[in-house]
Amino acid sequence: MMDICMIGIIIVSCELMKLLIDWCESQVGPGERK
């Protein structure tokens, strides 16, 4: 049970980090990246 919870937390945190990085990049320079 604990292992499943830990894996879920890690996956969710990784997804949140990806979303945060994408948002930060779009906020910083929309014309620089794309």
Protein backbone atom coordinates (compact mmCIF):
# COMPACT_ATOMS: atom_id res chain seq x y z
CA MET A 1 0.00 0.00 0.00
CA MET A 2 2.74 2.46 0.97
CA ASP A 3 4.77 1.62 -2.15
CA ILE A 4 1.79 2.39 -4.40
CA CYS A 5 1.18 5.68 -2.57
CA MET A 6 4.83 6.70 -2.87
CA ILE A 7 4.90 5.85 -6.60
CA GLY A 8 1.69 7.85 -7.12
CA ILE A 9 3.11 10.85 -5.27
CA ILE A 10 6.33 10.71 -7.32
CA ILE A 11 4.42 10.50 -10.62
CA VAL A 12 2.11 13.38 -9.65
CA SER A 13 5.02 15.55 -8.51
CA CYS A 14 6.90 14.85 -11.76
CA GLU A 15 3.85 15.80 -13.83
CA LEU A 16 3.40 19.00 -11.81
CA MET A 17 7.07 19.88 -12.34
CA LYS A 18 6.66 19.39 -16.11
CA LEU A 19 3.60 21.63 -16.17
CA LEU A 20 5.37 24.26 -14.06
CA ILE A 21 8.45 24.25 -16.31
CA ASP A 22 6.31 24.51 -19.47
CA TRP A 23 4.33 27.40 -17.93
CA CYS A 24 7.49 29.20 -16.82
CA GLU A 25 9.03 28.85 -20.29
CA SER A 26 5.88 30.18 -21.96
CA GLN A 27 5.78 33.09 -19.51
CA VAL A 28 9.47 33.99 -19.82
CA GLY A 29 9.83 33.97 -23.61
CA PRO A 30 7.00 32.86 -25.93
CA GLY A 31 9.00 33.96 -28.98
CA GLU A 32 12.40 32.64 -27.87
CA ARG A 33 11.60 28.93 -27.60
CA LYS A 34 9.22 28.38 -30.52
